[in-house]
C-alpha atoms as a PDB file:
ATOM      1  CA  MET A   1     -31.301   4.386 -13.203  1.00  0.00           C
ATOM      2  CA  LYS A   2     -30.029   1.368 -15.021  1.00  0.00           C
ATOM      3  CA  LYS A   3     -26.488   2.980 -15.454  1.00  0.00           C
ATOM      4  CA  LEU A   4     -26.793   3.982 -11.591  1.00  0.00           C
ATOM      5  CA  MET A   5     -26.805   0.679 -10.742  1.00  0.00           C
ATOM      6  CA  MET A   6     -24.331  -0.802 -13.130  1.00  0.00           C
ATOM      7  CA  ALA A   7     -21.551   1.845 -12.274  1.00  0.00           C
ATOM      8  CA  PHE A   8     -22.417   0.855  -7.977  1.00  0.00           C
ATOM      9  CA  THR A   9     -22.147  -2.748  -9.027  1.00  0.00           C
ATOM     10  CA  LEU A  10     -18.898  -2.363 -10.966  1.00  0.00           C
ATOM     11  CA  PHE A  11     -17.368  -0.040  -7.764  1.00  0.00           C
ATOM     12  CA  LEU A  12     -18.366  -3.022  -5.683  1.00  0.00           C
ATOM     13  CA  PHE A  13     -16.980  -5.706  -7.547  1.00  0.00           C
ATOM     14  CA  SER A  14     -13.646  -3.855  -7.853  1.00  0.00           C
ATOM     15  CA  ASN A  15     -13.328  -3.247  -4.380  1.00  0.00           C
ATOM     16  CA  VAL A  16     -13.720  -7.080  -3.979  1.00  0.00           C
ATOM     17  CA  THR A  17     -11.482  -8.327  -6.550  1.00  0.00           C
ATOM     18  CA  MET A  18      -8.566  -5.907  -5.859  1.00  0.00           C
ATOM     19  CA  GLY A  19      -8.668  -7.457  -2.242  1.00  0.00           C
ATOM     20  CA  TYR A  20      -7.534  -4.275   0.237  1.00  0.00           C
ATOM     21  CA  ASP A  21      -8.650  -3.129   3.576  1.00  0.00           C
ATOM     22  CA  GLU A  22      -8.086   0.634   3.539  1.00  0.00           C
ATOM     23  CA  VAL A  23      -6.732   3.114   1.012  1.00  0.00           C
ATOM     24  CA  GLY A  24      -4.616   5.510   2.222  1.00  0.00           C
ATOM     25  CA  THR A  25      -4.241   9.320   1.026  1.00  0.00           C
ATOM     26  CA  TRP A  26      -2.116  10.727  -1.783  1.00  0.00           C
ATOM     27  CA  THR A  27       1.301  11.158  -0.252  1.00  0.00           C
ATOM     28  CA  TYR A  28       5.013  11.033  -1.335  1.00  0.00           C
ATOM     29  CA  VAL A  29       7.399   7.850  -0.457  1.00  0.00           C
ATOM     30  CA  LYS A  30       9.632   9.023   2.334  1.00  0.00           C
ATOM     31  CA  ARG A  31      12.109   6.008   3.256  1.00  0.00           C
ATOM     32  CA  ILE A  32      12.677   2.507   1.907  1.00  0.00           C
ATOM     33  CA  PHE A  33      13.865   0.051   4.462  1.00  0.00           C
ATOM     34  CA  VAL A  34      15.607  -3.314   2.196  1.00  0.00           C
ATOM     35  CA  PRO A  35      17.019  -5.949   4.606  1.00  0.00           C
ATOM     36  CA  ALA A  36      20.210  -7.719   3.683  1.00  0.00           C
ATOM     37  CA  SER A  37      18.736 -10.626   5.039  1.00  0.00           C
ATOM     38  CA  GLY A  38      16.341 -10.953   2.358  1.00  0.00           C
ATOM     39  CA  GLY A  39      13.562 -10.257   4.596  1.00  0.00           C
ATOM     40  CA  SER A  40      10.425  -7.764   3.590  1.00  0.00           C
ATOM     41  CA  ILE A  41      11.076  -4.626   2.726  1.00  0.00           C
ATOM     42  CA  TYR A  42       9.399  -1.922   4.361  1.00  0.00           C
ATOM     43  CA  VAL A  43       8.045   1.693   3.649  1.00  0.00           C
ATOM     44  CA  TYR A  44       7.835   4.809   5.210  1.00  0.00           C
ATOM     45  CA  PHE A  45       5.519   7.087   4.095  1.00  0.00           C
ATOM     46  CA  GLU A  46       4.919  11.371   4.043  1.00  0.00           C
ATOM     47  CA  GLY A  47       2.569  12.207   6.927  1.00  0.00           C
ATOM     48  CA  GLU A  48      -0.184  10.087   8.411  1.00  0.00           C
ATOM     49  CA  SER A  49      -0.857   8.621   5.092  1.00  0.00           C
ATOM     50  CA  LEU A  50      -1.733   5.173   6.103  1.00  0.00           C
ATOM     51  CA  PRO A  51      -4.483   5.484   9.280  1.00  0.00           C
ATOM     52  CA  GLY A  52      -4.174   2.448  11.389  1.00  0.00           C
ATOM     53  CA  CYS A  53      -0.579   1.396  10.515  1.00  0.00           C
ATOM     54  CA  HIS A  54       2.312   1.763  12.522  1.00  0.00           C
ATOM     55  CA  THR A  55       3.052   5.640  12.991  1.00  0.00           C
ATOM     56  CA  ASN A  56       0.109   5.668  10.534  1.00  0.00           C
ATOM     57  CA  ASN A  57       2.581   5.883   8.018  1.00  0.00           C
ATOM     58  CA  GLY A  58       4.302   2.804   7.367  1.00  0.00           C
ATOM     59  CA  ALA A  59       3.676  -0.661   6.014  1.00  0.00           C
ATOM     60  CA  TYR A  60       5.534  -4.122   4.447  1.00  0.00           C
ATOM     61  CA  ILE A  61       5.658  -5.108   1.257  1.00  0.00           C
ATOM     62  CA  PRO A  62       4.887  -8.769   1.216  1.00  0.00           C
ATOM     63  CA  SER A  63       7.049 -11.406  -0.059  1.00  0.00           C
ATOM     64  CA  SER A  64       4.937 -14.195  -0.407  1.00  0.00           C
ATOM     65  CA  ASN A  65       4.357 -13.100  -4.181  1.00  0.00           C
ATOM     66  CA  ILE A  66       8.222 -12.377  -5.304  1.00  0.00           C
ATOM     67  CA  GLU A  67       7.142 -11.198  -8.823  1.00  0.00           C
ATOM     68  CA  GLY A  68       4.676  -9.172  -6.918  1.00  0.00           C
ATOM     69  CA  ALA A  69       6.752  -7.609  -4.117  1.00  0.00           C
ATOM     70  CA  ASN A  70       9.255  -6.860  -7.375  1.00  0.00           C
ATOM     71  CA  ARG A  71       7.029  -4.846  -8.991  1.00  0.00           C
ATOM     72  CA  VAL A  72       5.769  -2.406  -6.025  1.00  0.00           C
ATOM     73  CA  HIS A  73       9.270  -2.194  -4.663  1.00  0.00           C
ATOM     74  CA  SER A  74      10.123  -0.380  -8.246  1.00  0.00           C
ATOM     75  CA  THR A  75       7.344   1.219  -8.400  1.00  0.00           C
ATOM     76  CA  LEU A  76       7.854   2.678  -5.392  1.00  0.00           C
ATOM     77  CA  LEU A  77      11.755   3.143  -5.665  1.00  0.00           C
ATOM     78  CA  ALA A  78      11.211   5.085  -9.126  1.00  0.00           C
ATOM     79  CA  ALA A  79       8.185   7.409  -6.983  1.00  0.00           C
ATOM     80  CA  LEU A  80      10.762   8.208  -4.686  1.00  0.00           C
ATOM     81  CA  MET A  81      13.458   9.461  -7.331  1.00  0.00           C
ATOM     82  CA  ALA A  82      11.101  10.923  -9.232  1.00  0.00           C
ATOM     83  CA  LYS A  83       9.266  12.539  -6.167  1.00  0.00           C
ATOM     84  CA  ARG A  84       6.088  11.569  -7.249  1.00  0.00           C
ATOM     85  CA  LYS A  85       2.988  11.122  -5.194  1.00  0.00           C
ATOM     86  CA  VAL A  86       1.503   7.826  -4.385  1.00  0.00           C
ATOM     87  CA  GLN A  87      -1.464   6.117  -3.369  1.00  0.00           C
ATOM     88  CA  VAL A  88      -1.347   3.124  -1.104  1.00  0.00           C
ATOM     89  CA  PHE A  89      -3.928   0.439  -0.888  1.00  0.00           C
ATOM     90  CA  TYR A  90      -3.059  -1.880   2.316  1.00  0.00           C
ATOM     91  CA  ASN A  91      -4.477  -4.784   4.189  1.00  0.00           C
ATOM     92  CA  TYR A  92      -4.376  -5.075   8.004  1.00  0.00           C
ATOM     93  CA  ASN A  93      -2.616  -7.988  10.028  1.00  0.00           C
ATOM     94  CA  SER A  94      -2.790  -7.540  13.402  1.00  0.00           C
ATOM     95  CA  ASP A  95      -4.922  -5.601  16.078  1.00  0.00           C
ATOM     96  CA  ASP A  96      -0.567  -4.540  17.223  1.00  0.00           C
ATOM     97  CA  GLN A  97      -0.776  -0.692  15.902  1.00  0.00           C
ATOM     98  CA  GLN A  98       2.618  -0.435  17.773  1.00  0.00           C
ATOM     99  CA  SER A  99       4.166  -3.574  15.472  1.00  0.00           C
ATOM    100  CA  TRP A 100       5.739  -2.848  12.265  1.00  0.00           C
ATOM    101  CA  SER A 101       3.999  -5.970  10.873  1.00  0.00           C
ATOM    102  CA  ARG A 102       0.514  -4.362  11.417  1.00  0.00           C
ATOM    103  CA  CYS A 103       0.002  -3.416   7.391  1.00  0.00           C
ATOM    104  CA  ASN A 104       0.854  -5.034   4.119  1.00  0.00           C
ATOM    105  CA  ILE A 105       0.838  -2.924   0.933  1.00  0.00           C
ATOM    106  CA  ALA A 106      -2.150  -4.517  -1.541  1.00  0.00           C
ATOM    107  CA  HIS A 107      -1.647  -1.859  -4.416  1.00  0.00           C
ATOM    108  CA  VAL A 108       0.067   1.367  -5.343  1.00  0.00           C
ATOM    109  CA  TYR A 109      -1.110   4.124  -7.688  1.00  0.00           C
ATOM    110  CA  VAL A 110       1.401   6.763  -8.835  1.00  0.00           C
ATOM    111  CA  GLN A 111       0.442  10.248 -10.022  1.00  0.00           C
END
């Protein structure tokens, strides 16, 4: 019972510290939109892998932390080129599901 409680506590703590609203399904990167103006990078994924986001498959890489944004961008670019599956952890920014800015990527896993 102690081990079960410890595992449950660690699970709850990990979700709080990672800071995300939702977890997408395992999918492939479909397209990456990089604006020449220096704005935020937008990523499209296969299928409906990001429920609740614009077209259920797209989200911005937030540019508030340039180093983190560069890491996520390079990771997703590598996954696209290598045709590797990814899992996206994301946050909602607005209630407007038709808006591109509805979701931001918080973390990614590569399979």
